[in-house]
């Protein structure tokens, strides 16, 4: 599993930028379609 944008995702969430974090997770999934954590975290954010 590659963690391409983990820092960006965490920063976006910490800043309350859920849309930005979802975009970061989309990019992570694009770069590594097998990254189950990115799918999970994106899904959790989309429920907020």
Protein backbone atom coordinates (compact mmCIF):
# COMPACT_ATOMS: atom_id res chain seq x y z
CA UNK A 1 0.00 0.00 0.00
CA UNK A 2 1.39 3.38 -0.97
CA UNK A 3 0.61 6.45 1.11
CA UNK A 4 0.93 9.23 -1.46
CA UNK A 5 -1.05 12.03 0.11
CA UNK A 6 -1.44 11.02 3.74
CA UNK A 7 -0.04 14.30 5.11
CA UNK A 8 -2.25 16.36 2.81
CA UNK A 9 -5.32 14.31 3.76
CA UNK A 10 -4.60 14.66 7.47
CA UNK A 11 -4.01 18.38 7.18
CA UNK A 12 -7.22 18.89 5.21
CA UNK A 13 -9.22 16.99 7.85
CA UNK A 14 -7.54 18.87 10.70
CA UNK A 15 -8.43 22.17 9.03
CA UNK A 16 -12.03 21.04 8.62
CA UNK A 17 -11.72 20.93 4.83
CA UNK A 18 -13.63 17.71 4.21
CA UNK A 19 -14.08 18.43 0.51
CA UNK A 20 -10.34 18.99 0.15
CA UNK A 21 -9.63 15.78 2.05
CA UNK A 22 -12.01 13.84 -0.22
CA UNK A 23 -10.16 15.25 -3.24
CA UNK A 24 -6.87 14.17 -1.66
CA UNK A 25 -8.27 10.66 -1.11
CA UNK A 26 -9.47 10.59 -4.73
CA UNK A 27 -5.92 11.35 -5.83
CA UNK A 28 -4.51 8.69 -3.50
CA UNK A 29 -6.93 6.14 -5.00
CA UNK A 30 -5.97 7.23 -8.50
CA UNK A 31 -2.30 6.68 -7.68
CA UNK A 32 -2.88 3.40 -5.81
CA UNK A 33 -6.23 1.75 -6.57
CA UNK A 34 -5.44 -1.00 -4.03
CA UNK A 35 -5.27 1.43 -1.08
CA UNK A 36 -8.21 0.17 0.96
CA UNK A 37 -7.63 2.78 3.69
CA UNK A 38 -8.08 5.62 1.20
CA UNK A 39 -11.44 4.17 0.06
CA UNK A 40 -12.53 3.70 3.67
CA UNK A 41 -11.49 7.17 4.81
CA UNK A 42 -13.07 8.83 1.77
CA UNK A 43 -16.30 6.99 2.49
CA UNK A 44 -16.29 8.02 6.12
CA UNK A 45 -15.77 11.67 5.18
CA UNK A 46 -18.55 11.61 2.63
CA UNK A 47 -20.96 10.60 5.40
CA UNK A 48 -20.20 13.78 7.40
